PDB file of N, CA and C in Angstrom:
ATOM      1  N   MET A   1     -84.970  41.783  47.937  1.00  0.00           N
ATOM      2  CA  MET A   1     -83.850  42.462  48.565  1.00  0.00           C
ATOM      3  C   MET A   1     -82.541  41.832  48.105  1.00  0.00           C
ATOM      4  N   PRO A   2     -81.551  42.664  47.882  1.00  0.00           N
ATOM      5  CA  PRO A   2     -80.242  42.126  47.489  1.00  0.00           C
ATOM      6  C   PRO A   2     -79.576  41.399  48.659  1.00  0.00           C
ATOM      7  N   THR A   3     -78.738  40.451  48.306  1.00  0.00           N
ATOM      8  CA  THR A   3     -77.986  39.720  49.330  1.00  0.00           C
ATOM      9  C   THR A   3     -76.935  40.644  49.941  1.00  0.00           C
ATOM     10  N   ARG A   4     -76.329  40.199  51.018  1.00  0.00           N
ATOM     11  CA  ARG A   4     -75.270  41.009  51.661  1.00  0.00           C
ATOM     12  C   ARG A   4     -74.140  41.282  50.675  1.00  0.00           C
ATOM     13  N   LYS A   5     -73.731  40.253  49.936  1.00  0.00           N
ATOM     14  CA  LYS A   5     -72.649  40.400  48.956  1.00  0.00           C
ATOM     15  C   LYS A   5     -73.031  41.428  47.879  1.00  0.00           C
ATOM     16  N   GLU A   6     -74.281  41.381  47.415  1.00  0.00           N
ATOM     17  CA  GLU A   6     -74.746  42.333  46.393  1.00  0.00           C
ATOM     18  C   GLU A   6     -74.793  43.746  46.965  1.00  0.00           C
ATOM     19  N   ARG A   7     -75.255  43.886  48.220  1.00  0.00           N
ATOM     20  CA  ARG A   7     -75.293  45.214  48.854  1.00  0.00           C
ATOM     21  C   ARG A   7     -73.900  45.812  48.966  1.00  0.00           C
ATOM     22  N   VAL A   8     -72.928  44.999  49.369  1.00  0.00           N
ATOM     23  CA  VAL A   8     -71.541  45.463  49.486  1.00  0.00           C
ATOM     24  C   VAL A   8     -71.028  45.930  48.123  1.00  0.00           C
ATOM     25  N   ALA A   9     -71.340  45.170  47.066  1.00  0.00           N
ATOM     26  CA  ALA A   9     -70.900  45.539  45.717  1.00  0.00           C
ATOM     27  C   ALA A   9     -71.557  46.841  45.263  1.00  0.00           C
ATOM     28  N   ILE A  10     -72.844  47.019  45.580  1.00  0.00           N
ATOM     29  CA  ILE A  10     -73.569  48.243  45.200  1.00  0.00           C
ATOM     30  C   ILE A  10     -72.985  49.447  45.928  1.00  0.00           C
ATOM     31  N   VAL A  11     -72.773  49.321  47.227  1.00  0.00           N
ATOM     32  CA  VAL A  11     -72.202  50.433  48.006  1.00  0.00           C
ATOM     33  C   VAL A  11     -70.814  50.769  47.489  1.00  0.00           C
ATOM     34  N   SER A  12     -70.047  49.768  47.156  1.00  0.00           N
ATOM     35  CA  SER A  12     -68.710  49.993  46.608  1.00  0.00           C
ATOM     36  C   SER A  12     -68.785  50.756  45.288  1.00  0.00           C
ATOM     37  N   GLU A  13     -69.720  50.374  44.425  1.00  0.00           N
ATOM     38  CA  GLU A  13     -69.878  51.081  43.143  1.00  0.00           C
ATOM     39  C   GLU A  13     -70.318  52.527  43.364  1.00  0.00           C
ATOM     40  N   ILE A  14     -71.232  52.735  44.311  1.00  0.00           N
ATOM     41  CA  ILE A  14     -71.678  54.096  44.633  1.00  0.00           C
ATOM     42  C   ILE A  14     -70.488  54.943  45.087  1.00  0.00           C
ATOM     43  N   ASN A  15     -69.683  54.400  45.986  1.00  0.00           N
ATOM     44  CA  ASN A  15     -68.505  55.132  46.472  1.00  0.00           C
ATOM     45  C   ASN A  15     -67.524  55.438  45.345  1.00  0.00           C
ATOM     46  N   ASP A  16     -67.315  54.479  44.458  1.00  0.00           N
ATOM     47  CA  ASP A  16     -66.409  54.691  43.321  1.00  0.00           C
ATOM     48  C   ASP A  16     -66.920  55.809  42.408  1.00  0.00           C
ATOM     49  N   ILE A  17     -68.215  55.804  42.140  1.00  0.00           N
ATOM     50  CA  ILE A  17     -68.803  56.833  41.273  1.00  0.00           C
ATOM     51  C   ILE A  17     -68.651  58.207  41.910  1.00  0.00           C
ATOM     52  N   ILE A  18     -68.966  58.308  43.190  1.00  0.00           N
ATOM     53  CA  ILE A  18     -68.854  59.597  43.885  1.00  0.00           C
ATOM     54  C   ILE A  18     -67.405  60.082  43.881  1.00  0.00           C
ATOM     55  N   ASP A  19     -66.463  59.177  44.182  1.00  0.00           N
ATOM     56  CA  ASP A  19     -65.049  59.552  44.184  1.00  0.00           C
ATOM     57  C   ASP A  19     -64.568  59.987  42.805  1.00  0.00           C
ATOM     58  N   GLU A  20     -64.988  59.257  41.778  1.00  0.00           N
ATOM     59  CA  GLU A  20     -64.499  59.516  40.423  1.00  0.00           C
ATOM     60  C   GLU A  20     -65.165  60.713  39.753  1.00  0.00           C
ATOM     61  N   HIS A  21     -66.461  60.894  39.995  1.00  0.00           N
ATOM     62  CA  HIS A  21     -67.195  61.927  39.260  1.00  0.00           C
ATOM     63  C   HIS A  21     -67.655  63.103  40.122  1.00  0.00           C
ATOM     64  N   CYS A  22     -68.338  62.798  41.217  1.00  0.00           N
ATOM     65  CA  CYS A  22     -69.010  63.850  41.975  1.00  0.00           C
ATOM     66  C   CYS A  22     -68.055  64.765  42.730  1.00  0.00           C
ATOM     67  N   HIS A  23     -67.001  64.216  43.305  1.00  0.00           N
ATOM     68  CA  HIS A  23     -66.076  65.053  44.064  1.00  0.00           C
ATOM     69  C   HIS A  23     -65.352  66.068  43.181  1.00  0.00           C
ATOM     70  N   HIS A  24     -65.280  65.794  41.893  1.00  0.00           N
ATOM     71  CA  HIS A  24     -64.604  66.697  40.960  1.00  0.00           C
ATOM     72  C   HIS A  24     -65.581  67.570  40.182  1.00  0.00           C
ATOM     73  N   CYS A  25     -66.861  67.390  40.423  1.00  0.00           N
ATOM     74  CA  CYS A  25     -67.889  68.129  39.686  1.00  0.00           C
ATOM     75  C   CYS A  25     -68.007  69.546  40.229  1.00  0.00           C
ATOM     76  N   GLU A  26     -68.235  70.475  39.332  1.00  0.00           N
ATOM     77  CA  GLU A  26     -68.381  71.878  39.737  1.00  0.00           C
ATOM     78  C   GLU A  26     -69.610  72.097  40.624  1.00  0.00           C
ATOM     79  N   HIS A  27     -70.575  71.182  40.571  1.00  0.00           N
ATOM     80  CA  HIS A  27     -71.812  71.333  41.344  1.00  0.00           C
ATOM     81  C   HIS A  27     -71.779  70.585  42.674  1.00  0.00           C
ATOM     82  N   HIS A  28     -70.653  69.931  42.976  1.00  0.00           N
ATOM     83  CA  HIS A  28     -70.566  69.066  44.163  1.00  0.00           C
ATOM     84  C   HIS A  28     -70.941  69.783  45.452  1.00  0.00           C
ATOM     85  N   TYR A  29     -70.591  71.019  45.596  1.00  0.00           N
ATOM     86  CA  TYR A  29     -70.855  71.739  46.829  1.00  0.00           C
ATOM     87  C   TYR A  29     -72.048  72.681  46.722  1.00  0.00           C
ATOM     88  N   ALA A  30     -72.861  72.493  45.700  1.00  0.00           N
ATOM     89  CA  ALA A  30     -74.051  73.332  45.529  1.00  0.00           C
ATOM     90  C   ALA A  30     -75.016  73.093  46.688  1.00  0.00           C
ATOM     91  N   GLN A  31     -75.717  74.139  47.087  1.00  0.00           N
ATOM     92  CA  GLN A  31     -76.688  74.030  48.179  1.00  0.00           C
ATOM     93  C   GLN A  31     -77.775  73.021  47.836  1.00  0.00           C
ATOM     94  N   ASP A  32     -78.300  73.107  46.615  1.00  0.00           N
ATOM     95  CA  ASP A  32     -79.378  72.208  46.197  1.00  0.00           C
ATOM     96  C   ASP A  32     -78.926  71.425  44.976  1.00  0.00           C
ATOM     97  N   TYR A  33     -78.062  70.431  45.195  1.00  0.00           N
ATOM     98  CA  TYR A  33     -77.521  69.663  44.075  1.00  0.00           C
ATOM     99  C   TYR A  33     -78.606  68.925  43.310  1.00  0.00           C
ATOM    100  N   THR A  34     -79.727  68.601  43.978  1.00  0.00           N
ATOM    101  CA  THR A  34     -80.786  67.854  43.286  1.00  0.00           C
ATOM    102  C   THR A  34     -81.376  68.671  42.154  1.00  0.00           C
ATOM    103  N   ALA A  35     -81.415  69.988  42.295  1.00  0.00           N
ATOM    104  CA  ALA A  35     -81.929  70.844  41.226  1.00  0.00           C
ATOM    105  C   ALA A  35     -80.872  71.036  40.142  1.00  0.00           C
ATOM    106  N   VAL A  36     -79.614  71.165  40.537  1.00  0.00           N
ATOM    107  CA  VAL A  36     -78.526  71.413  39.598  1.00  0.00           C
ATOM    108  C   VAL A  36     -78.200  70.172  38.779  1.00  0.00           C
ATOM    109  N   CYS A  37     -78.301  69.017  39.399  1.00  0.00           N
ATOM    110  CA  CYS A  37     -77.838  67.769  38.774  1.00  0.00           C
ATOM    111  C   CYS A  37     -78.924  67.015  38.004  1.00  0.00           C
ATOM    112  N   VAL A  38     -80.108  67.594  37.874  1.00  0.00           N
ATOM    113  CA  VAL A  38     -81.181  66.937  37.123  1.00  0.00           C
ATOM    114  C   VAL A  38     -80.695  66.672  35.703  1.00  0.00           C
ATOM    115  N   GLY A  39     -80.881  65.456  35.243  1.00  0.00           N
ATOM    116  CA  GLY A  39     -80.453  65.089  33.897  1.00  0.00           C
ATOM    117  C   GLY A  39     -79.023  64.588  33.822  1.00  0.00           C
ATOM    118  N   CYS A  40     -78.300  64.652  34.938  1.00  0.00           N
ATOM    119  CA  CYS A  40     -76.917  64.172  34.962  1.00  0.00           C
ATOM    120  C   CYS A  40     -76.930  62.647  34.928  1.00  0.00           C
ATOM    121  N   PRO A  41     -76.227  62.038  33.968  1.00  0.00           N
ATOM    122  CA  PRO A  41     -76.217  60.581  33.900  1.00  0.00           C
ATOM    123  C   PRO A  41     -75.595  59.927  35.141  1.00  0.00           C
ATOM    124  N   VAL A  42     -74.686  60.638  35.801  1.00  0.00           N
ATOM    125  CA  VAL A  42     -74.072  60.100  37.021  1.00  0.00           C
ATOM    126  C   VAL A  42     -75.125  60.032  38.130  1.00  0.00           C
ATOM    127  N   LEU A  43     -75.914  61.097  38.284  1.00  0.00           N
ATOM    128  CA  LEU A  43     -76.986  61.092  39.278  1.00  0.00           C
ATOM    129  C   LEU A  43     -78.009  60.011  38.956  1.00  0.00           C
ATOM    130  N   ASP A  44     -78.345  59.862  37.684  1.00  0.00           N
ATOM    131  CA  ASP A  44     -79.291  58.819  37.278  1.00  0.00           C
ATOM    132  C   ASP A  44     -78.778  57.447  37.683  1.00  0.00           C
ATOM    133  N   ARG A  45     -77.487  57.194  37.475  1.00  0.00           N
ATOM    134  CA  ARG A  45     -76.900  55.907  37.841  1.00  0.00           C
ATOM    135  C   ARG A  45     -76.915  55.719  39.364  1.00  0.00           C
ATOM    136  N   LEU A  46     -76.623  56.792  40.109  1.00  0.00           N
ATOM    137  CA  LEU A  46     -76.665  56.701  41.567  1.00  0.00           C
ATOM    138  C   LEU A  46     -78.080  56.390  42.054  1.00  0.00           C
ATOM    139  N   LYS A  47     -79.077  56.969  41.403  1.00  0.00           N
ATOM    140  CA  LYS A  47     -80.468  56.676  41.767  1.00  0.00           C
ATOM    141  C   LYS A  47     -80.809  55.216  41.485  1.00  0.00           C
ATOM    142  N   GLU A  48     -80.344  54.705  40.349  1.00  0.00           N
ATOM    143  CA  GLU A  48     -80.570  53.297  40.012  1.00  0.00           C
ATOM    144  C   GLU A  48     -79.962  52.389  41.079  1.00  0.00           C
ATOM    145  N   LEU A  49     -78.734  52.703  41.450  1.00  0.00           N
ATOM    146  CA  LEU A  49     -78.052  51.888  42.456  1.00  0.00           C
ATOM    147  C   LEU A  49     -78.756  51.992  43.806  1.00  0.00           C
ATOM    148  N   GLY A  50     -79.230  53.182  44.143  1.00  0.00           N
ATOM    149  CA  GLY A  50     -79.982  53.358  45.386  1.00  0.00           C
ATOM    150  C   GLY A  50     -81.258  52.533  45.390  1.00  0.00           C
ATOM    151  N   ALA A  51     -81.936  52.485  44.245  1.00  0.00           N
ATOM    152  CA  ALA A  51     -83.146  51.677  44.134  1.00  0.00           C
ATOM    153  C   ALA A  51     -82.823  50.197  44.297  1.00  0.00           C
ATOM    154  N   LYS A  52     -81.711  49.757  43.689  1.00  0.00           N
ATOM    155  CA  LYS A  52     -81.295  48.354  43.845  1.00  0.00           C
ATOM    156  C   LYS A  52     -80.985  48.050  45.307  1.00  0.00           C
ATOM    157  N   LEU A  53     -80.311  48.993  45.945  1.00  0.00           N
ATOM    158  CA  LEU A  53     -79.916  48.810  47.341  1.00  0.00           C
ATOM    159  C   LEU A  53     -81.136  48.667  48.247  1.00  0.00           C
ATOM    160  N   SER A  54     -82.165  49.444  47.965  1.00  0.00           N
ATOM    161  CA  SER A  54     -83.372  49.391  48.795  1.00  0.00           C
ATOM    162  C   SER A  54     -84.300  48.252  48.386  1.00  0.00           C
ATOM    163  N   GLY A  55     -84.016  47.644  47.239  1.00  0.00           N
ATOM    164  CA  GLY A  55     -84.832  46.530  46.789  1.00  0.00           C
ATOM    165  C   GLY A  55     -86.061  46.940  45.998  1.00  0.00           C
ATOM    166  N   ARG A  56     -86.187  48.226  45.701  1.00  0.00           N
ATOM    167  CA  ARG A  56     -87.339  48.668  44.910  1.00  0.00           C
ATOM    168  C   ARG A  56     -86.921  48.891  43.469  1.00  0.00           C
ATOM    169  N   VAL A  57     -87.888  48.790  42.596  1.00  0.00           N
ATOM    170  CA  VAL A  57     -87.627  48.986  41.176  1.00  0.00           C
ATOM    171  C   VAL A  57     -88.338  50.255  40.733  1.00  0.00           C
ATOM    172  N   ASP A  58     -87.628  51.114  40.039  1.00  0.00           N
ATOM    173  CA  ASP A  58     -88.203  52.355  39.538  1.00  0.00           C
ATOM    174  C   ASP A  58     -88.795  52.088  38.152  1.00  0.00           C
ATOM    175  N   LYS A  59     -90.066  51.647  38.141  1.00  0.00           N
ATOM    176  CA  LYS A  59     -90.716  51.290  36.878  1.00  0.00           C
ATOM    177  C   LYS A  59     -90.873  52.501  35.964  1.00  0.00           C
ATOM    178  N   LYS A  60     -91.185  53.644  36.542  1.00  0.00           N
ATOM    179  CA  LYS A  60     -91.353  54.864  35.745  1.00  0.00           C
ATOM    180  C   LYS A  60     -90.034  55.231  35.073  1.00  0.00           C
ATOM    181  N   GLY A  61     -88.940  55.166  35.833  1.00  0.00           N
ATOM    182  CA  GLY A  61     -87.624  55.475  35.283  1.00  0.00           C
ATOM    183  C   GLY A  61     -87.249  54.529  34.161  1.00  0.00           C
ATOM    184  N   LEU A  62     -87.554  53.253  34.330  1.00  0.00           N
ATOM    185  CA  LEU A  62     -87.262  52.271  33.286  1.00  0.00           C
ATOM    186  C   LEU A  62     -88.077  52.560  32.033  1.00  0.00           C
ATOM    187  N   GLU A  63     -89.336  52.960  32.222  1.00  0.00           N
ATOM    188  CA  GLU A  63     -90.204  53.286  31.089  1.00  0.00           C
ATOM    189  C   GLU A  63     -89.658  54.504  30.326  1.00  0.00           C
ATOM    190  N   LEU A  64     -89.244  55.523  31.053  1.00  0.00           N
ATOM    191  CA  LEU A  64     -88.709  56.729  30.415  1.00  0.00           C
ATOM    192  C   LEU A  64     -87.426  56.412  29.655  1.00  0.00           C
ATOM    193  N   LYS A  65     -86.566  55.589  30.241  1.00  0.00           N
ATOM    194  CA  LYS A  65     -85.325  55.203  29.561  1.00  0.00           C
ATOM    195  C   LYS A  65     -85.611  54.406  28.298  1.00  0.00           C
ATOM    196  N   ALA A  66     -86.630  53.549  28.349  1.00  0.00           N
ATOM    197  CA  ALA A  66     -86.990  52.764  27.173  1.00  0.00           C
ATOM    198  C   ALA A  66     -87.443  53.673  26.034  1.00  0.00           C
ATOM    199  N   ILE A  67     -88.189  54.711  26.370  1.00  0.00           N
ATOM    200  CA  ILE A  67     -88.634  55.663  25.341  1.00  0.00           C
ATOM    201  C   ILE A  67     -87.432  56.416  24.791  1.00  0.00           C
ATOM    202  N   LEU A  68     -86.558  56.905  25.663  1.00  0.00           N
ATOM    203  CA  LEU A  68     -85.365  57.634  25.216  1.00  0.00           C
ATOM    204  C   LEU A  68     -84.487  56.773  24.314  1.00  0.00           C
ATOM    205  N   SER A  69     -84.434  55.485  24.602  1.00  0.00           N
ATOM    206  CA  SER A  69     -83.565  54.593  23.818  1.00  0.00           C
ATOM    207  C   SER A  69     -84.059  54.420  22.384  1.00  0.00           C
ATOM    208  N   LYS A  70     -85.287  54.822  22.096  1.00  0.00           N
ATOM    209  CA  LYS A  70     -85.809  54.732  20.727  1.00  0.00           C
ATOM    210  C   LYS A  70     -85.132  55.746  19.803  1.00  0.00           C
ATOM    211  N   GLY A  71     -84.547  56.782  20.415  1.00  0.00           N
ATOM    212  CA  GLY A  71     -83.844  57.791  19.630  1.00  0.00           C
ATOM    213  C   GLY A  71     -84.751  58.450  18.599  1.00  0.00           C
ATOM    214  N   GLU A  72     -84.311  58.466  17.359  1.00  0.00           N
ATOM    215  CA  GLU A  72     -85.051  59.136  16.284  1.00  0.00           C
ATOM    216  C   GLU A  72     -86.402  58.492  15.996  1.00  0.00           C
ATOM    217  N   ASP A  73     -86.637  57.304  16.531  1.00  0.00           N
ATOM    218  CA  ASP A  73     -87.900  56.606  16.292  1.00  0.00           C
ATOM    219  C   ASP A  73     -88.987  56.962  17.305  1.00  0.00           C
ATOM    220  N   MET A  74     -88.705  57.927  18.191  1.00  0.00           N
ATOM    221  CA  MET A  74     -89.712  58.348  19.159  1.00  0.00           C
ATOM    222  C   MET A  74     -90.893  58.987  18.448  1.00  0.00           C
ATOM    223  N   LYS A  75     -92.082  58.713  18.959  1.00  0.00           N
ATOM    224  CA  LYS A  75     -93.304  59.335  18.453  1.00  0.00           C
ATOM    225  C   LYS A  75     -93.493  60.673  19.161  1.00  0.00           C
ATOM    226  N   VAL A  76     -94.255  61.554  18.540  1.00  0.00           N
ATOM    227  CA  VAL A  76     -94.531  62.865  19.134  1.00  0.00           C
ATOM    228  C   VAL A  76     -95.174  62.684  20.508  1.00  0.00           C
ATOM    229  N   SER A  77     -96.111  61.756  20.622  1.00  0.00           N
ATOM    230  CA  SER A  77     -96.786  61.528  21.907  1.00  0.00           C
ATOM    231  C   SER A  77     -95.790  61.095  22.984  1.00  0.00           C
ATOM    232  N   GLU A  78     -94.760  60.358  22.595  1.00  0.00           N
ATOM    233  CA  GLU A  78     -93.742  59.931  23.552  1.00  0.00           C
ATOM    234  C   GLU A  78     -92.866  61.105  23.990  1.00  0.00           C
ATOM    235  N   ILE A  79     -92.575  62.001  23.058  1.00  0.00           N
ATOM    236  CA  ILE A  79     -91.792  63.196  23.394  1.00  0.00           C
ATOM    237  C   ILE A  79     -92.568  64.043  24.402  1.00  0.00           C
ATOM    238  N   VAL A  80     -93.842  64.242  24.146  1.00  0.00           N
ATOM    239  CA  VAL A  80     -94.696  65.009  25.063  1.00  0.00           C
ATOM    240  C   VAL A  80     -94.730  64.317  26.432  1.00  0.00           C
ATOM    241  N   TYR A  81     -94.856  63.003  26.438  1.00  0.00           N
ATOM    242  CA  TYR A  81     -94.887  62.225  27.679  1.00  0.00           C
ATOM    243  C   TYR A  81     -93.589  62.412  28.476  1.00  0.00           C
ATOM    244  N   LEU A  82     -92.453  62.378  27.783  1.00  0.00           N
ATOM    245  CA  LEU A  82     -91.164  62.576  28.452  1.00  0.00           C
ATOM    246  C   LEU A  82     -91.093  63.955  29.099  1.00  0.00           C
ATOM    247  N   ILE A  83     -91.498  64.970  28.350  1.00  0.00           N
ATOM    248  CA  ILE A  83     -91.460  66.345  28.875  1.00  0.00           C
ATOM    249  C   ILE A  83     -92.376  66.468  30.087  1.00  0.00           C
ATOM    250  N   GLU A  84     -93.596  65.923  29.970  1.00  0.00           N
ATOM    251  CA  GLU A  84     -94.558  66.028  31.063  1.00  0.00           C
ATOM    252  C   GLU A  84     -94.126  65.238  32.299  1.00  0.00           C
ATOM    253  N   ASN A  85     -93.203  64.307  32.125  1.00  0.00           N
ATOM    254  CA  ASN A  85     -92.700  63.527  33.252  1.00  0.00           C
ATOM    255  C   ASN A  85     -91.342  64.011  33.738  1.00  0.00           C
ATOM    256  N   GLY A  86     -90.974  65.222  33.342  1.00  0.00           N
ATOM    257  CA  GLY A  86     -89.802  65.873  33.907  1.00  0.00           C
ATOM    258  C   GLY A  86     -88.460  65.508  33.313  1.00  0.00           C
ATOM    259  N   VAL A  87     -88.452  64.811  32.179  1.00  0.00           N
ATOM    260  CA  VAL A  87     -87.172  64.506  31.536  1.00  0.00           C
ATOM    261  C   VAL A  87     -86.650  65.807  30.923  1.00  0.00           C
ATOM    262  N   PRO A  88     -85.423  66.192  31.235  1.00  0.00           N
ATOM    263  CA  PRO A  88     -84.889  67.449  30.709  1.00  0.00           C
ATOM    264  C   PRO A  88     -84.889  67.470  29.173  1.00  0.00           C
ATOM    265  N   LYS A  89     -85.272  68.616  28.625  1.00  0.00           N
ATOM    266  CA  LYS A  89     -85.336  68.758  27.164  1.00  0.00           C
ATOM    267  C   LYS A  89     -83.976  68.492  26.518  1.00  0.00           C
ATOM    268  N   ARG A  90     -82.919  68.888  27.191  1.00  0.00           N
ATOM    269  CA  ARG A  90     -81.574  68.653  26.653  1.00  0.00           C
ATOM    270  C   ARG A  90     -81.313  67.151  26.487  1.00  0.00           C
ATOM    271  N   GLN A  91     -81.782  66.356  27.442  1.00  0.00           N
ATOM    272  CA  GLN A  91     -81.595  64.914  27.378  1.00  0.00           C
ATOM    273  C   GLN A  91     -82.427  64.313  26.231  1.00  0.00           C
ATOM    274  N   ILE A  92     -83.632  64.814  26.052  1.00  0.00           N
ATOM    275  CA  ILE A  92     -84.487  64.323  24.963  1.00  0.00           C
ATOM    276  C   ILE A  92     -83.891  64.702  23.616  1.00  0.00           C
ATOM    277  N   SER A  93     -83.434  65.953  23.493  1.00  0.00           N
ATOM    278  CA  SER A  93     -82.855  66.397  22.218  1.00  0.00           C
ATOM    279  C   SER A  93     -81.616  65.584  21.874  1.00  0.00           C
ATOM    280  N   LYS A  94     -80.838  65.251  22.880  1.00  0.00           N
ATOM    281  CA  LYS A  94     -79.643  64.434  22.653  1.00  0.00           C
ATOM    282  C   LYS A  94     -80.036  63.040  22.156  1.00  0.00           C
ATOM    283  N   ALA A  95     -81.066  62.461  22.781  1.00  0.00           N
ATOM    284  CA  ALA A  95     -81.533  61.137  22.367  1.00  0.00           C
ATOM    285  C   ALA A  95     -82.041  61.156  20.926  1.00  0.00           C
ATOM    286  N   LEU A  96     -82.640  62.274  20.539  1.00  0.00           N
ATOM    287  CA  LEU A  96     -83.159  62.419  19.174  1.00  0.00           C
ATOM    288  C   LEU A  96     -82.068  62.781  18.167  1.00  0.00           C
ATOM    289  N   GLY A  97     -80.900  63.158  18.680  1.00  0.00           N
ATOM    290  CA  GLY A  97     -79.819  63.574  17.797  1.00  0.00           C
ATOM    291  C   GLY A  97     -80.048  64.962  17.221  1.00  0.00           C
ATOM    292  N   MET A  98     -80.689  65.825  18.021  1.00  0.00           N
ATOM    293  CA  MET A  98     -81.017  67.183  17.568  1.00  0.00           C
ATOM    294  C   MET A  98     -80.276  68.218  18.410  1.00  0.00           C
ATOM    295  N   TYR A  99     -80.033  69.362  17.798  1.00  0.00           N
ATOM    296  CA  TYR A  99     -79.501  70.486  18.558  1.00  0.00           C
ATOM    297  C   TYR A  99     -80.596  70.952  19.509  1.00  0.00           C
ATOM    298  N   PRO A 100     -80.241  71.379  20.734  1.00  0.00           N
ATOM    299  CA  PRO A 100     -81.258  71.827  21.691  1.00  0.00           C
ATOM    300  C   PRO A 100     -82.165  72.935  21.146  1.00  0.00           C
ATOM    301  N   ALA A 101     -81.610  73.892  20.428  1.00  0.00           N
ATOM    302  CA  ALA A 101     -82.426  74.990  19.891  1.00  0.00           C
ATOM    303  C   ALA A 101     -83.453  74.470  18.879  1.00  0.00           C
ATOM    304  N   THR A 102     -83.039  73.550  18.031  1.00  0.00           N
ATOM    305  CA  THR A 102     -83.949  72.953  17.049  1.00  0.00           C
ATOM    306  C   THR A 102     -85.043  72.169  17.762  1.00  0.00           C
ATOM    307  N   PHE A 103     -84.651  71.446  18.796  1.00  0.00           N
ATOM    308  CA  PHE A 103     -85.616  70.668  19.568  1.00  0.00           C
ATOM    309  C   PHE A 103     -86.637  71.588  20.229  1.00  0.00           C
ATOM    310  N   ASN A 104     -86.168  72.680  20.829  1.00  0.00           N
ATOM    311  CA  ASN A 104     -87.078  73.624  21.488  1.00  0.00           C
ATOM    312  C   ASN A 104     -88.083  74.205  20.508  1.00  0.00           C
ATOM    313  N   THR A 105     -87.643  74.508  19.296  1.00  0.00           N
ATOM    314  CA  THR A 105     -88.549  75.010  18.260  1.00  0.00           C
ATOM    315  C   THR A 105     -89.597  73.945  17.931  1.00  0.00           C
ATOM    316  N   MET A 106     -89.154  72.699  17.807  1.00  0.00           N
ATOM    317  CA  MET A 106     -90.071  71.607  17.509  1.00  0.00           C
ATOM    318  C   MET A 106     -91.104  71.457  18.629  1.00  0.00           C
ATOM    319  N   VAL A 107     -90.654  71.548  19.881  1.00  0.00           N
ATOM    320  CA  VAL A 107     -91.568  71.410  21.011  1.00  0.00           C
ATOM    321  C   VAL A 107     -92.613  72.525  21.001  1.00  0.00           C
ATOM    322  N   LEU A 108     -92.196  73.740  20.705  1.00  0.00           N
ATOM    323  CA  LEU A 108     -93.155  74.851  20.613  1.00  0.00           C
ATOM    324  C   LEU A 108     -94.216  74.559  19.554  1.00  0.00           C
ATOM    325  N   ARG A 109     -93.791  74.040  18.414  1.00  0.00           N
ATOM    326  CA  ARG A 109     -94.735  73.710  17.345  1.00  0.00           C
ATOM    327  C   ARG A 109     -95.676  72.579  17.761  1.00  0.00           C
ATOM    328  N   ILE A 110     -95.131  71.595  18.482  1.00  0.00           N
ATOM    329  CA  ILE A 110     -95.967  70.483  18.954  1.00  0.00           C
ATOM    330  C   ILE A 110     -97.054  71.016  19.881  1.00  0.00           C
ATOM    331  N   TYR A 111     -96.676  71.849  20.846  1.00  0.00           N
ATOM    332  CA  TYR A 111     -97.656  72.358  21.809  1.00  0.00           C
ATOM    333  C   TYR A 111     -98.651  73.306  21.153  1.00  0.00           C
ATOM    334  N   LYS A 112     -98.212  74.080  20.167  1.00  0.00           N
ATOM    335  CA  LYS A 112     -99.145  74.932  19.423  1.00  0.00           C
ATOM    336  C   LYS A 112    -100.172  74.066  18.713  1.00  0.00           C
ATOM    337  N   GLY A 113     -99.682  72.972  18.132  1.00  0.00           N
ATOM    338  CA  GLY A 113    -100.581  72.032  17.448  1.00  0.00           C
ATOM    339  C   GLY A 113    -101.564  71.380  18.403  1.00  0.00           C
ATOM    340  N   LEU A 114    -101.089  71.037  19.593  1.00  0.00           N
ATOM    341  CA  LEU A 114    -101.977  70.419  20.582  1.00  0.00           C
ATOM    342  C   LEU A 114    -103.033  71.407  21.067  1.00  0.00           C
ATOM    343  N   LYS A 115    -102.651  72.659  21.265  1.00  0.00           N
ATOM    344  CA  LYS A 115    -103.626  73.682  21.677  1.00  0.00           C
ATOM    345  C   LYS A 115    -104.674  73.876  20.595  1.00  0.00           C
ATOM    346  N   GLY A 116    -104.224  73.834  19.331  1.00  0.00           N
ATOM    347  CA  GLY A 116    -105.152  73.988  18.210  1.00  0.00           C
ATOM    348  C   GLY A 116    -106.153  72.851  18.145  1.00  0.00           C
ATOM    349  N   GLU A 117    -105.726  71.629  18.489  1.00  0.00           N
ATOM    350  CA  GLU A 117    -106.615  70.468  18.489  1.00  0.00           C
ATOM    351  C   GLU A 117    -107.669  70.605  19.578  1.00  0.00           C
ATOM    352  N   VAL A 118    -107.259  71.120  20.755  1.00  0.00           N
ATOM    353  CA  VAL A 118    -108.189  71.266  21.858  1.00  0.00           C
ATOM    354  C   VAL A 118    -109.216  72.374  21.558  1.00  0.00           C
ATOM    355  N   ALA A 119    -108.727  73.481  20.990  1.00  0.00           N
ATOM    356  CA  ALA A 119    -109.605  74.598  20.676  1.00  0.00           C
ATOM    357  C   ALA A 119    -110.539  74.295  19.516  1.00  0.00           C
ATOM    358  N   GLY A 120    -110.033  73.528  18.547  1.00  0.00           N
ATOM    359  CA  GLY A 120    -110.798  73.281  17.324  1.00  0.00           C
ATOM    360  C   GLY A 120    -111.695  72.146  17.489  1.00  0.00           C
TER     361      GLY A 120
END
């Protein structure tokens, strides 16, 4: 668990982020912001801070970020793993340095190949 001083600093950072980014965001007043804000780096940071505040570590999130940080060096199996774990395709394509449309075409080819392996 974080100390009192660390908790105060975390809450302060959360408030600063919300004031600076979220209050000015077009999705701020959305009914279901959790669906709209998926993949938002600001939301990701708020989740990290929330995990620190509660004293828990999001091991899955850290693993996904580690894979994304590989950028162009990601393996096909890692790309599939990211997709299957709910990482937005736009975020993966950005990490790979690809246009979203090109990435989507690649993903279709990957899944076609995987279906062919299972059938064959």
